[in-house]
Amino acid sequence: MFRKFVWLFLVLPAGVVLVAFALANRHDVRLNLDPLSADDPYFAIDAPFFLFILGAFLAGLIIGGIITWFGQGKWRKEAKARTRESAALRAETEQLNEQLRTTQTPRIGAPEAAE
């Protein structure tokens, strides 16, 4: 149900806007990467304008994701340590429960079995 909601109200309208943007900006532009020679650049790319805009958006998305990933590394490391600690404590608890079951020590004040 949630996926259908996301698809209908977020992904589908975003796709329509993206296609409209691409159609409105399909004229060729030149990206000049040579700052010393503006008239006859050594390296320039001619492509539709929307490719440059979408490429910049995609590059920002990837760079932001990488920065976020490294920024959250501390918390992932902490979560792994807590998971290991929890597993060790769980194993120790099981071991102690098993020892308790095998020793069968009578409780103080517990009624004795009738003879």
PDB file of N, CA and C in Angstrom:
ATOM      1  N   MET A   1       0.820  -1.190   0.000  1.00  0.00           N
ATOM      2  CA  MET A   1       0.000   0.000   0.000  1.00  0.00           C
ATOM      3  C   MET A   1       0.867   1.260   0.000  1.00  0.00           C
ATOM      4  N   PHE A   2       1.911   1.253   0.842  1.00  0.00           N
ATOM      5  CA  PHE A   2       2.792   2.420   0.914  1.00  0.00           C
ATOM      6  C   PHE A   2       3.528   2.628  -0.412  1.00  0.00           C
ATOM      7  N   ARG A   3       3.943   1.532  -1.044  1.00  0.00           N
ATOM      8  CA  ARG A   3       4.649   1.653  -2.331  1.00  0.00           C
ATOM      9  C   ARG A   3       3.758   2.262  -3.405  1.00  0.00           C
ATOM     10  N   LYS A   4       2.489   1.868  -3.422  1.00  0.00           N
ATOM     11  CA  LYS A   4       1.565   2.447  -4.394  1.00  0.00           C
ATOM     12  C   LYS A   4       1.396   3.936  -4.147  1.00  0.00           C
ATOM     13  N   PHE A   5       1.307   4.318  -2.875  1.00  0.00           N
ATOM     14  CA  PHE A   5       1.182   5.730  -2.524  1.00  0.00           C
ATOM     15  C   PHE A   5       2.394   6.514  -3.006  1.00  0.00           C
ATOM     16  N   VAL A   6       3.583   5.984  -2.709  1.00  0.00           N
ATOM     17  CA  VAL A   6       4.822   6.655  -3.123  1.00  0.00           C
ATOM     18  C   VAL A   6       4.870   6.750  -4.645  1.00  0.00           C
ATOM     19  N   TRP A   7       4.507   5.684  -5.322  1.00  0.00           N
ATOM     20  CA  TRP A   7       4.545   5.664  -6.784  1.00  0.00           C
ATOM     21  C   TRP A   7       3.575   6.697  -7.360  1.00  0.00           C
ATOM     22  N   LEU A   8       2.341   6.699  -6.869  1.00  0.00           N
ATOM     23  CA  LEU A   8       1.322   7.581  -7.440  1.00  0.00           C
ATOM     24  C   LEU A   8       1.540   9.055  -7.129  1.00  0.00           C
ATOM     25  N   PHE A   9       2.014   9.351  -5.923  1.00  0.00           N
ATOM     26  CA  PHE A   9       2.070  10.754  -5.514  1.00  0.00           C
ATOM     27  C   PHE A   9       3.461  11.363  -5.507  1.00  0.00           C
ATOM     28  N   LEU A  10       4.486  10.558  -5.677  1.00  0.00           N
ATOM     29  CA  LEU A  10       5.837  11.114  -5.692  1.00  0.00           C
ATOM     30  C   LEU A  10       6.590  10.783  -6.970  1.00  0.00           C
ATOM     31  N   VAL A  11       6.708   9.510  -7.296  1.00  0.00           N
ATOM     32  CA  VAL A  11       7.537   9.099  -8.426  1.00  0.00           C
ATOM     33  C   VAL A  11       6.903   9.488  -9.764  1.00  0.00           C
ATOM     34  N   LEU A  12       5.634   9.195  -9.924  1.00  0.00           N
ATOM     35  CA  LEU A  12       4.975   9.499 -11.198  1.00  0.00           C
ATOM     36  C   LEU A  12       4.958  11.000 -11.504  1.00  0.00           C
ATOM     37  N   PRO A  13       4.550  11.875 -10.567  1.00  0.00           N
ATOM     38  CA  PRO A  13       4.615  13.320 -10.870  1.00  0.00           C
ATOM     39  C   PRO A  13       6.044  13.820 -11.101  1.00  0.00           C
ATOM     40  N   ALA A  14       7.005  13.283 -10.346  1.00  0.00           N
ATOM     41  CA  ALA A  14       8.394  13.694 -10.556  1.00  0.00           C
ATOM     42  C   ALA A  14       8.855  13.290 -11.956  1.00  0.00           C
ATOM     43  N   GLY A  15       8.452  12.132 -12.424  1.00  0.00           N
ATOM     44  CA  GLY A  15       8.802  11.694 -13.781  1.00  0.00           C
ATOM     45  C   GLY A  15       8.183  12.586 -14.835  1.00  0.00           C
ATOM     46  N   VAL A  16       6.940  12.980 -14.630  1.00  0.00           N
ATOM     47  CA  VAL A  16       6.272  13.868 -15.589  1.00  0.00           C
ATOM     48  C   VAL A  16       6.981  15.223 -15.637  1.00  0.00           C
ATOM     49  N   VAL A  17       7.326  15.768 -14.481  1.00  0.00           N
ATOM     50  CA  VAL A  17       8.042  17.047 -14.428  1.00  0.00           C
ATOM     51  C   VAL A  17       9.408  16.914 -15.090  1.00  0.00           C
ATOM     52  N   LEU A  18      10.085  15.798 -14.865  1.00  0.00           N
ATOM     53  CA  LEU A  18      11.400  15.564 -15.457  1.00  0.00           C
ATOM     54  C   LEU A  18      11.318  15.507 -16.987  1.00  0.00           C
ATOM     55  N   VAL A  19      10.323  14.829 -17.510  1.00  0.00           N
ATOM     56  CA  VAL A  19      10.152  14.758 -18.966  1.00  0.00           C
ATOM     57  C   VAL A  19       9.817  16.138 -19.529  1.00  0.00           C
ATOM     58  N   ALA A  20       8.951  16.885 -18.855  1.00  0.00           N
ATOM     59  CA  ALA A  20       8.619  18.239 -19.316  1.00  0.00           C
ATOM     60  C   ALA A  20       9.854  19.135 -19.297  1.00  0.00           C
ATOM     61  N   PHE A  21      10.680  19.017 -18.255  1.00  0.00           N
ATOM     62  CA  PHE A  21      11.917  19.794 -18.163  1.00  0.00           C
ATOM     63  C   PHE A  21      12.864  19.449 -19.308  1.00  0.00           C
ATOM     64  N   ALA A  22      12.992  18.156 -19.594  1.00  0.00           N
ATOM     65  CA  ALA A  22      13.882  17.726 -20.673  1.00  0.00           C
ATOM     66  C   ALA A  22      13.396  18.238 -22.027  1.00  0.00           C
ATOM     67  N   LEU A  23      12.104  18.207 -22.254  1.00  0.00           N
ATOM     68  CA  LEU A  23      11.568  18.684 -23.528  1.00  0.00           C
ATOM     69  C   LEU A  23      11.732  20.195 -23.676  1.00  0.00           C
ATOM     70  N   ALA A  24      11.611  20.918 -22.582  1.00  0.00           N
ATOM     71  CA  ALA A  24      11.734  22.376 -22.643  1.00  0.00           C
ATOM     72  C   ALA A  24      13.180  22.823 -22.808  1.00  0.00           C
ATOM     73  N   ASN A  25      14.141  21.994 -22.447  1.00  0.00           N
ATOM     74  CA  ASN A  25      15.553  22.378 -22.471  1.00  0.00           C
ATOM     75  C   ASN A  25      16.387  21.432 -23.332  1.00  0.00           C
ATOM     76  N   ARG A  26      15.866  21.096 -24.495  1.00  0.00           N
ATOM     77  CA  ARG A  26      16.585  20.136 -25.337  1.00  0.00           C
ATOM     78  C   ARG A  26      17.527  20.779 -26.355  1.00  0.00           C
ATOM     79  N   HIS A  27      17.664  22.101 -26.338  1.00  0.00           N
ATOM     80  CA  HIS A  27      18.582  22.760 -27.266  1.00  0.00           C
ATOM     81  C   HIS A  27      20.036  22.519 -26.819  1.00  0.00           C
ATOM     82  N   ASP A  28      20.929  22.478 -27.784  1.00  0.00           N
ATOM     83  CA  ASP A  28      22.345  22.222 -27.480  1.00  0.00           C
ATOM     84  C   ASP A  28      23.021  23.468 -26.912  1.00  0.00           C
ATOM     85  N   VAL A  29      23.860  23.226 -25.928  1.00  0.00           N
ATOM     86  CA  VAL A  29      24.706  24.272 -25.362  1.00  0.00           C
ATOM     87  C   VAL A  29      26.125  23.717 -25.272  1.00  0.00           C
ATOM     88  N   ARG A  30      27.081  24.616 -25.143  1.00  0.00           N
ATOM     89  CA  ARG A  30      28.472  24.192 -25.047  1.00  0.00           C
ATOM     90  C   ARG A  30      28.971  24.403 -23.626  1.00  0.00           C
ATOM     91  N   LEU A  31      29.521  23.334 -23.065  1.00  0.00           N
ATOM     92  CA  LEU A  31      30.174  23.405 -21.761  1.00  0.00           C
ATOM     93  C   LEU A  31      31.659  23.530 -22.040  1.00  0.00           C
ATOM     94  N   ASN A  32      32.206  24.710 -21.744  1.00  0.00           N
ATOM     95  CA  ASN A  32      33.608  24.997 -22.006  1.00  0.00           C
ATOM     96  C   ASN A  32      34.410  24.737 -20.738  1.00  0.00           C
ATOM     97  N   LEU A  33      35.344  23.792 -20.799  1.00  0.00           N
ATOM     98  CA  LEU A  33      36.172  23.445 -19.647  1.00  0.00           C
ATOM     99  C   LEU A  33      37.607  23.955 -19.785  1.00  0.00           C
ATOM    100  N   ASP A  34      37.813  24.882 -20.702  1.00  0.00           N
ATOM    101  CA  ASP A  34      39.135  25.475 -20.910  1.00  0.00           C
ATOM    102  C   ASP A  34      39.046  26.962 -20.572  1.00  0.00           C
ATOM    103  N   PRO A  35      39.481  27.369 -19.377  1.00  0.00           N
ATOM    104  CA  PRO A  35      39.320  28.774 -18.979  1.00  0.00           C
ATOM    105  C   PRO A  35      40.257  29.735 -19.716  1.00  0.00           C
ATOM    106  N   LEU A  36      41.298  29.230 -20.366  1.00  0.00           N
ATOM    107  CA  LEU A  36      42.271  30.103 -21.023  1.00  0.00           C
ATOM    108  C   LEU A  36      41.897  30.447 -22.445  1.00  0.00           C
ATOM    109  N   SER A  37      41.116  29.629 -23.089  1.00  0.00           N
ATOM    110  CA  SER A  37      40.791  29.858 -24.489  1.00  0.00           C
ATOM    111  C   SER A  37      39.276  29.774 -24.673  1.00  0.00           C
ATOM    112  N   ALA A  38      38.614  30.906 -24.581  1.00  0.00           N
ATOM    113  CA  ALA A  38      37.155  30.922 -24.693  1.00  0.00           C
ATOM    114  C   ALA A  38      36.687  30.785 -26.142  1.00  0.00           C
ATOM    115  N   ASP A  39      37.461  31.315 -27.107  1.00  0.00           N
ATOM    116  CA  ASP A  39      37.045  31.271 -28.504  1.00  0.00           C
ATOM    117  C   ASP A  39      37.225  29.885 -29.112  1.00  0.00           C
ATOM    118  N   ASP A  40      38.365  29.273 -28.891  1.00  0.00           N
ATOM    119  CA  ASP A  40      38.658  27.944 -29.437  1.00  0.00           C
ATOM    120  C   ASP A  40      39.102  27.032 -28.285  1.00  0.00           C
ATOM    121  N   PRO A  41      38.151  26.505 -27.517  1.00  0.00           N
ATOM    122  CA  PRO A  41      38.518  25.725 -26.332  1.00  0.00           C
ATOM    123  C   PRO A  41      39.153  24.394 -26.697  1.00  0.00           C
ATOM    124  N   TYR A  42      40.098  23.980 -25.857  1.00  0.00           N
ATOM    125  CA  TYR A  42      40.758  22.692 -26.041  1.00  0.00           C
ATOM    126  C   TYR A  42      39.807  21.554 -25.689  1.00  0.00           C
ATOM    127  N   PHE A  43      39.014  21.765 -24.648  1.00  0.00           N
ATOM    128  CA  PHE A  43      38.073  20.732 -24.234  1.00  0.00           C
ATOM    129  C   PHE A  43      36.710  21.369 -23.990  1.00  0.00           C
ATOM    130  N   ALA A  44      35.752  21.016 -24.823  1.00  0.00           N
ATOM    131  CA  ALA A  44      34.386  21.515 -24.686  1.00  0.00           C
ATOM    132  C   ALA A  44      33.429  20.396 -25.056  1.00  0.00           C
ATOM    133  N   ILE A  45      32.263  20.424 -24.452  1.00  0.00           N
ATOM    134  CA  ILE A  45      31.245  19.402 -24.705  1.00  0.00           C
ATOM    135  C   ILE A  45      29.984  20.102 -25.192  1.00  0.00           C
ATOM    136  N   ASP A  46      29.462  19.643 -26.333  1.00  0.00           N
ATOM    137  CA  ASP A  46      28.185  20.134 -26.843  1.00  0.00           C
ATOM    138  C   ASP A  46      27.141  19.054 -26.570  1.00  0.00           C
ATOM    139  N   ALA A  47      26.102  19.427 -25.818  1.00  0.00           N
ATOM    140  CA  ALA A  47      25.045  18.471 -25.468  1.00  0.00           C
ATOM    141  C   ALA A  47      23.785  19.256 -25.123  1.00  0.00           C
ATOM    142  N   PRO A  48      22.640  18.567 -25.099  1.00  0.00           N
ATOM    143  CA  PRO A  48      21.410  19.245 -24.681  1.00  0.00           C
ATOM    144  C   PRO A  48      21.539  19.773 -23.243  1.00  0.00           C
ATOM    145  N   PHE A  49      20.922  20.918 -23.006  1.00  0.00           N
ATOM    146  CA  PHE A  49      21.058  21.596 -21.721  1.00  0.00           C
ATOM    147  C   PHE A  49      20.569  20.743 -20.554  1.00  0.00           C
ATOM    148  N   PHE A  50      19.480  19.988 -20.752  1.00  0.00           N
ATOM    149  CA  PHE A  50      18.938  19.211 -19.648  1.00  0.00           C
ATOM    150  C   PHE A  50      19.918  18.133 -19.176  1.00  0.00           C
ATOM    151  N   LEU A  51      20.802  17.666 -20.059  1.00  0.00           N
ATOM    152  CA  LEU A  51      21.796  16.675 -19.629  1.00  0.00           C
ATOM    153  C   LEU A  51      22.777  17.272 -18.628  1.00  0.00           C
ATOM    154  N   PHE A  52      23.167  18.510 -18.836  1.00  0.00           N
ATOM    155  CA  PHE A  52      24.067  19.164 -17.887  1.00  0.00           C
ATOM    156  C   PHE A  52      23.384  19.382 -16.536  1.00  0.00           C
ATOM    157  N   ILE A  53      22.119  19.826 -16.580  1.00  0.00           N
ATOM    158  CA  ILE A  53      21.381  20.068 -15.335  1.00  0.00           C
ATOM    159  C   ILE A  53      21.167  18.754 -14.586  1.00  0.00           C
ATOM    160  N   LEU A  54      20.717  17.729 -15.286  1.00  0.00           N
ATOM    161  CA  LEU A  54      20.486  16.439 -14.631  1.00  0.00           C
ATOM    162  C   LEU A  54      21.796  15.811 -14.169  1.00  0.00           C
ATOM    163  N   GLY A  55      22.850  16.009 -14.932  1.00  0.00           N
ATOM    164  CA  GLY A  55      24.164  15.502 -14.515  1.00  0.00           C
ATOM    165  C   GLY A  55      24.652  16.177 -13.241  1.00  0.00           C
ATOM    166  N   ALA A  56      24.443  17.496 -13.148  1.00  0.00           N
ATOM    167  CA  ALA A  56      24.823  18.216 -11.929  1.00  0.00           C
ATOM    168  C   ALA A  56      23.981  17.751 -10.747  1.00  0.00           C
ATOM    169  N   PHE A  57      22.691  17.523 -10.973  1.00  0.00           N
ATOM    170  CA  PHE A  57      21.815  17.023  -9.915  1.00  0.00           C
ATOM    171  C   PHE A  57      22.257  15.633  -9.457  1.00  0.00           C
ATOM    172  N   LEU A  58      22.557  14.766 -10.399  1.00  0.00           N
ATOM    173  CA  LEU A  58      22.997  13.407 -10.072  1.00  0.00           C
ATOM    174  C   LEU A  58      24.343  13.425  -9.345  1.00  0.00           C
ATOM    175  N   ALA A  59      25.263  14.267  -9.791  1.00  0.00           N
ATOM    176  CA  ALA A  59      26.561  14.375  -9.114  1.00  0.00           C
ATOM    177  C   ALA A  59      26.377  14.872  -7.679  1.00  0.00           C
ATOM    178  N   GLY A  60      25.517  15.840  -7.470  1.00  0.00           N
ATOM    179  CA  GLY A  60      25.237  16.334  -6.124  1.00  0.00           C
ATOM    180  C   GLY A  60      24.605  15.275  -5.247  1.00  0.00           C
ATOM    181  N   LEU A  61      23.715  14.487  -5.833  1.00  0.00           N
ATOM    182  CA  LEU A  61      23.076  13.404  -5.096  1.00  0.00           C
ATOM    183  C   LEU A  61      24.101  12.357  -4.663  1.00  0.00           C
ATOM    184  N   ILE A  62      24.987  11.992  -5.555  1.00  0.00           N
ATOM    185  CA  ILE A  62      26.011  10.986  -5.240  1.00  0.00           C
ATOM    186  C   ILE A  62      27.006  11.524  -4.205  1.00  0.00           C
ATOM    187  N   ILE A  63      27.459  12.742  -4.406  1.00  0.00           N
ATOM    188  CA  ILE A  63      28.420  13.333  -3.462  1.00  0.00           C
ATOM    189  C   ILE A  63      27.776  13.488  -2.082  1.00  0.00           C
ATOM    190  N   GLY A  64      26.532  13.935  -2.032  1.00  0.00           N
ATOM    191  CA  GLY A  64      25.830  14.052  -0.754  1.00  0.00           C
ATOM    192  C   GLY A  64      25.645  12.708  -0.074  1.00  0.00           C
ATOM    193  N   GLY A  65      25.344  11.672  -0.855  1.00  0.00           N
ATOM    194  CA  GLY A  65      25.208  10.337  -0.290  1.00  0.00           C
ATOM    195  C   GLY A  65      26.514   9.822   0.288  1.00  0.00           C
ATOM    196  N   ILE A  66      27.610  10.070  -0.414  1.00  0.00           N
ATOM    197  CA  ILE A  66      28.925   9.634   0.076  1.00  0.00           C
ATOM    198  C   ILE A  66      29.292  10.375   1.360  1.00  0.00           C
ATOM    199  N   ILE A  67      29.067  11.671   1.391  1.00  0.00           N
ATOM    200  CA  ILE A  67      29.368  12.461   2.592  1.00  0.00           C
ATOM    201  C   ILE A  67      28.518  11.981   3.769  1.00  0.00           C
ATOM    202  N   THR A  68      27.243  11.715   3.522  1.00  0.00           N
ATOM    203  CA  THR A  68      26.367  11.210   4.579  1.00  0.00           C
ATOM    204  C   THR A  68      26.830   9.848   5.065  1.00  0.00           C
ATOM    205  N   TRP A  69      27.232   8.969   4.128  1.00  0.00           N
ATOM    206  CA  TRP A  69      27.702   7.630   4.486  1.00  0.00           C
ATOM    207  C   TRP A  69      28.912   7.714   5.420  1.00  0.00           C
ATOM    208  N   PHE A  70      29.877   8.544   5.066  1.00  0.00           N
ATOM    209  CA  PHE A  70      31.061   8.682   5.918  1.00  0.00           C
ATOM    210  C   PHE A  70      30.730   9.378   7.230  1.00  0.00           C
ATOM    211  N   GLY A  71      29.803  10.311   7.205  1.00  0.00           N
ATOM    212  CA  GLY A  71      29.407  11.010   8.422  1.00  0.00           C
ATOM    213  C   GLY A  71      28.700  10.099   9.418  1.00  0.00           C
ATOM    214  N   GLN A  72      28.011   9.080   8.932  1.00  0.00           N
ATOM    215  CA  GLN A  72      27.305   8.157   9.815  1.00  0.00           C
ATOM    216  C   GLN A  72      28.146   6.950  10.198  1.00  0.00           C
ATOM    217  N   GLY A  73      29.399   6.907   9.795  1.00  0.00           N
ATOM    218  CA  GLY A  73      30.265   5.771  10.091  1.00  0.00           C
ATOM    219  C   GLY A  73      30.428   5.538  11.577  1.00  0.00           C
ATOM    220  N   LYS A  74      30.492   6.611  12.331  1.00  0.00           N
ATOM    221  CA  LYS A  74      30.629   6.501  13.789  1.00  0.00           C
ATOM    222  C   LYS A  74      29.450   5.739  14.385  1.00  0.00           C
ATOM    223  N   TRP A  75      28.241   6.031  13.900  1.00  0.00           N
ATOM    224  CA  TRP A  75      27.041   5.390  14.448  1.00  0.00           C
ATOM    225  C   TRP A  75      26.942   3.932  13.994  1.00  0.00           C
ATOM    226  N   ARG A  76      27.364   3.641  12.775  1.00  0.00           N
ATOM    227  CA  ARG A  76      27.364   2.244  12.323  1.00  0.00           C
ATOM    228  C   ARG A  76      28.341   1.419  13.134  1.00  0.00           C
ATOM    229  N   LYS A  77      29.521   1.991  13.427  1.00  0.00           N
ATOM    230  CA  LYS A  77      30.519   1.302  14.241  1.00  0.00           C
ATOM    231  C   LYS A  77      29.970   1.044  15.640  1.00  0.00           C
ATOM    232  N   GLU A  78      29.307   2.037  16.215  1.00  0.00           N
ATOM    233  CA  GLU A  78      28.706   1.886  17.541  1.00  0.00           C
ATOM    234  C   GLU A  78      27.617   0.818  17.535  1.00  0.00           C
ATOM    235  N   ALA A  79      26.805   0.790  16.509  1.00  0.00           N
ATOM    236  CA  ALA A  79      25.740  -0.212  16.416  1.00  0.00           C
ATOM    237  C   ALA A  79      26.315  -1.622  16.307  1.00  0.00           C
ATOM    238  N   LYS A  80      27.391  -1.789  15.545  1.00  0.00           N
ATOM    239  CA  LYS A  80      28.029  -3.108  15.444  1.00  0.00           C
ATOM    240  C   LYS A  80      28.583  -3.549  16.785  1.00  0.00           C
ATOM    241  N   ALA A  81      29.209  -2.621  17.516  1.00  0.00           N
ATOM    242  CA  ALA A  81      29.757  -2.955  18.827  1.00  0.00           C
ATOM    243  C   ALA A  81      28.639  -3.352  19.785  1.00  0.00           C
ATOM    244  N   ARG A  82      27.537  -2.616  19.769  1.00  0.00           N
ATOM    245  CA  ARG A  82      26.403  -2.941  20.644  1.00  0.00           C
ATOM    246  C   ARG A  82      25.784  -4.284  20.270  1.00  0.00           C
ATOM    247  N   THR A  83      25.737  -4.594  18.984  1.00  0.00           N
ATOM    248  CA  THR A  83      25.201  -5.881  18.543  1.00  0.00           C
ATOM    249  C   THR A  83      26.075  -7.023  19.034  1.00  0.00           C
ATOM    250  N   ARG A  84      27.388  -6.868  18.920  1.00  0.00           N
ATOM    251  CA  ARG A  84      28.311  -7.907  19.412  1.00  0.00           C
ATOM    252  C   ARG A  84      28.178  -8.070  20.918  1.00  0.00           C
ATOM    253  N   GLU A  85      28.089  -6.951  21.637  1.00  0.00           N
ATOM    254  CA  GLU A  85      27.955  -7.006  23.084  1.00  0.00           C
ATOM    255  C   GLU A  85      26.650  -7.693  23.477  1.00  0.00           C
ATOM    256  N   SER A  86      25.578  -7.376  22.791  1.00  0.00           N
ATOM    257  CA  SER A  86      24.286  -7.982  23.074  1.00  0.00           C
ATOM    258  C   SER A  86      24.315  -9.488  22.817  1.00  0.00           C
ATOM    259  N   ALA A  87      24.950  -9.904  21.738  1.00  0.00           N
ATOM    260  CA  ALA A  87      25.049 -11.332  21.436  1.00  0.00           C
ATOM    261  C   ALA A  87      25.868 -12.059  22.501  1.00  0.00           C
ATOM    262  N   ALA A  88      26.951 -11.434  22.955  1.00  0.00           N
ATOM    263  CA  ALA A  88      27.778 -12.057  23.996  1.00  0.00           C
ATOM    264  C   ALA A  88      26.995 -12.171  25.297  1.00  0.00           C
ATOM    265  N   LEU A  89      26.263 -11.139  25.671  1.00  0.00           N
ATOM    266  CA  LEU A  89      25.462 -11.177  26.892  1.00  0.00           C
ATOM    267  C   LEU A  89      24.325 -12.192  26.789  1.00  0.00           C
ATOM    268  N   ARG A  90      23.737 -12.302  25.621  1.00  0.00           N
ATOM    269  CA  ARG A  90      22.679 -13.287  25.414  1.00  0.00           C
ATOM    270  C   ARG A  90      23.228 -14.698  25.554  1.00  0.00           C
ATOM    271  N   ALA A  91      24.409 -14.944  24.997  1.00  0.00           N
ATOM    272  CA  ALA A  91      25.038 -16.267  25.113  1.00  0.00           C
ATOM    273  C   ALA A  91      25.383 -16.571  26.567  1.00  0.00           C
ATOM    274  N   GLU A  92      25.892 -15.580  27.282  1.00  0.00           N
ATOM    275  CA  GLU A  92      26.235 -15.774  28.687  1.00  0.00           C
ATOM    276  C   GLU A  92      24.983 -16.064  29.512  1.00  0.00           C
ATOM    277  N   THR A  93      23.887 -15.374  29.213  1.00  0.00           N
ATOM    278  CA  THR A  93      22.627 -15.612  29.918  1.00  0.00           C
ATOM    279  C   THR A  93      22.128 -17.025  29.675  1.00  0.00           C
ATOM    280  N   GLU A  94      22.210 -17.481  28.443  1.00  0.00           N
ATOM    281  CA  GLU A  94      21.792 -18.859  28.129  1.00  0.00           C
ATOM    282  C   GLU A  94      22.661 -19.873  28.868  1.00  0.00           C
ATOM    283  N   GLN A  95      23.947 -19.609  28.911  1.00  0.00           N
ATOM    284  CA  GLN A  95      24.865 -20.517  29.604  1.00  0.00           C
ATOM    285  C   GLN A  95      24.537 -20.562  31.102  1.00  0.00           C
ATOM    286  N   LEU A  96      24.302 -19.426  31.707  1.00  0.00           N
ATOM    287  CA  LEU A  96      23.969 -19.387  33.126  1.00  0.00           C
ATOM    288  C   LEU A  96      22.615 -20.046  33.408  1.00  0.00           C
ATOM    289  N   ASN A  97      21.645 -19.854  32.530  1.00  0.00           N
ATOM    290  CA  ASN A  97      20.351 -20.513  32.692  1.00  0.00           C
ATOM    291  C   ASN A  97      20.496 -22.031  32.604  1.00  0.00           C
ATOM    292  N   GLU A  98      21.338 -22.493  31.697  1.00  0.00           N
ATOM    293  CA  GLU A  98      21.570 -23.932  31.569  1.00  0.00           C
ATOM    294  C   GLU A  98      22.252 -24.483  32.819  1.00  0.00           C
ATOM    295  N   GLN A  99      23.229 -23.768  33.352  1.00  0.00           N
ATOM    296  CA  GLN A  99      23.890 -24.191  34.592  1.00  0.00           C
ATOM    297  C   GLN A  99      22.885 -24.224  35.737  1.00  0.00           C
ATOM    298  N   LEU A 100      21.999 -23.261  35.787  1.00  0.00           N
ATOM    299  CA  LEU A 100      20.990 -23.204  36.835  1.00  0.00           C
ATOM    300  C   LEU A 100      20.044 -24.394  36.752  1.00  0.00           C
ATOM    301  N   ARG A 101      19.654 -24.775  35.545  1.00  0.00           N
ATOM    302  CA  ARG A 101      18.773 -25.923  35.363  1.00  0.00           C
ATOM    303  C   ARG A 101      19.444 -27.232  35.770  1.00  0.00           C
ATOM    304  N   THR A 102      20.742 -27.344  35.511  1.00  0.00           N
ATOM    305  CA  THR A 102      21.436 -28.606  35.787  1.00  0.00           C
ATOM    306  C   THR A 102      21.799 -28.772  37.249  1.00  0.00           C
ATOM    307  N   THR A 103      21.952 -27.696  37.991  1.00  0.00           N
ATOM    308  CA  THR A 103      22.357 -27.837  39.391  1.00  0.00           C
ATOM    309  C   THR A 103      21.209 -28.268  40.279  1.00  0.00           C
ATOM    310  N   GLN A 104      19.988 -27.888  40.000  1.00  0.00           N
ATOM    311  CA  GLN A 104      18.798 -28.278  40.757  1.00  0.00           C
ATOM    312  C   GLN A 104      18.984 -28.049  42.259  1.00  0.00           C
ATOM    313  N   THR A 105      19.377 -26.890  42.661  1.00  0.00           N
ATOM    314  CA  THR A 105      19.551 -26.590  44.088  1.00  0.00           C
ATOM    315  C   THR A 105      18.189 -26.298  44.688  1.00  0.00           C
ATOM    316  N   PRO A 106      17.912 -26.867  45.917  1.00  0.00           N
ATOM    317  CA  PRO A 106      16.611 -26.600  46.540  1.00  0.00           C
ATOM    318  C   PRO A 106      16.551 -25.156  47.020  1.00  0.00           C
ATOM    319  N   ARG A 107      15.414 -24.579  46.960  1.00  0.00           N
ATOM    320  CA  ARG A 107      15.234 -23.200  47.405  1.00  0.00           C
ATOM    321  C   ARG A 107      15.047 -23.176  48.922  1.00  0.00           C
ATOM    322  N   ILE A 108      15.538 -22.132  49.513  1.00  0.00           N
ATOM    323  CA  ILE A 108      15.384 -21.973  50.957  1.00  0.00           C
ATOM    324  C   ILE A 108      13.918 -21.644  51.220  1.00  0.00           C
ATOM    325  N   GLY A 109      13.326 -22.371  52.174  1.00  0.00           N
ATOM    326  CA  GLY A 109      11.937 -22.124  52.527  1.00  0.00           C
ATOM    327  C   GLY A 109      10.963 -22.832  51.617  1.00  0.00           C
ATOM    328  N   ALA A 110      11.449 -23.573  50.667  1.00  0.00           N
ATOM    329  CA  ALA A 110      10.560 -24.307  49.777  1.00  0.00           C
ATOM    330  C   ALA A 110      10.030 -25.524  50.516  1.00  0.00           C
ATOM    331  N   PRO A 111       8.771 -25.880  50.308  1.00  0.00           N
ATOM    332  CA  PRO A 111       8.230 -27.052  51.008  1.00  0.00           C
ATOM    333  C   PRO A 111       8.914 -28.333  50.547  1.00  0.00           C
ATOM    334  N   GLU A 112       9.223 -29.203  51.506  1.00  0.00           N
ATOM    335  CA  GLU A 112       9.872 -30.477  51.211  1.00  0.00           C
ATOM    336  C   GLU A 112       8.833 -31.443  50.644  1.00  0.00           C
ATOM    337  N   ALA A 113       9.322 -32.361  49.859  1.00  0.00           N
ATOM    338  CA  ALA A 113       8.423 -33.379  49.309  1.00  0.00           C
ATOM    339  C   ALA A 113       7.993 -34.326  50.402  1.00  0.00           C
ATOM    340  N   ALA A 114       6.759 -34.775  50.384  1.00  0.00           N
ATOM    341  CA  ALA A 114       6.232 -35.687  51.415  1.00  0.00           C
ATOM    342  C   ALA A 114       6.870 -37.045  51.265  1.00  0.00           C
ATOM    343  N   GLU A 115       7.238 -37.661  52.452  1.00  0.00           N
ATOM    344  CA  GLU A 115       7.893 -38.968  52.408  1.00  0.00           C
ATOM    345  C   GLU A 115       6.935 -40.065  52.652  1.00  0.00           C
TER     346      GLU A 115
END
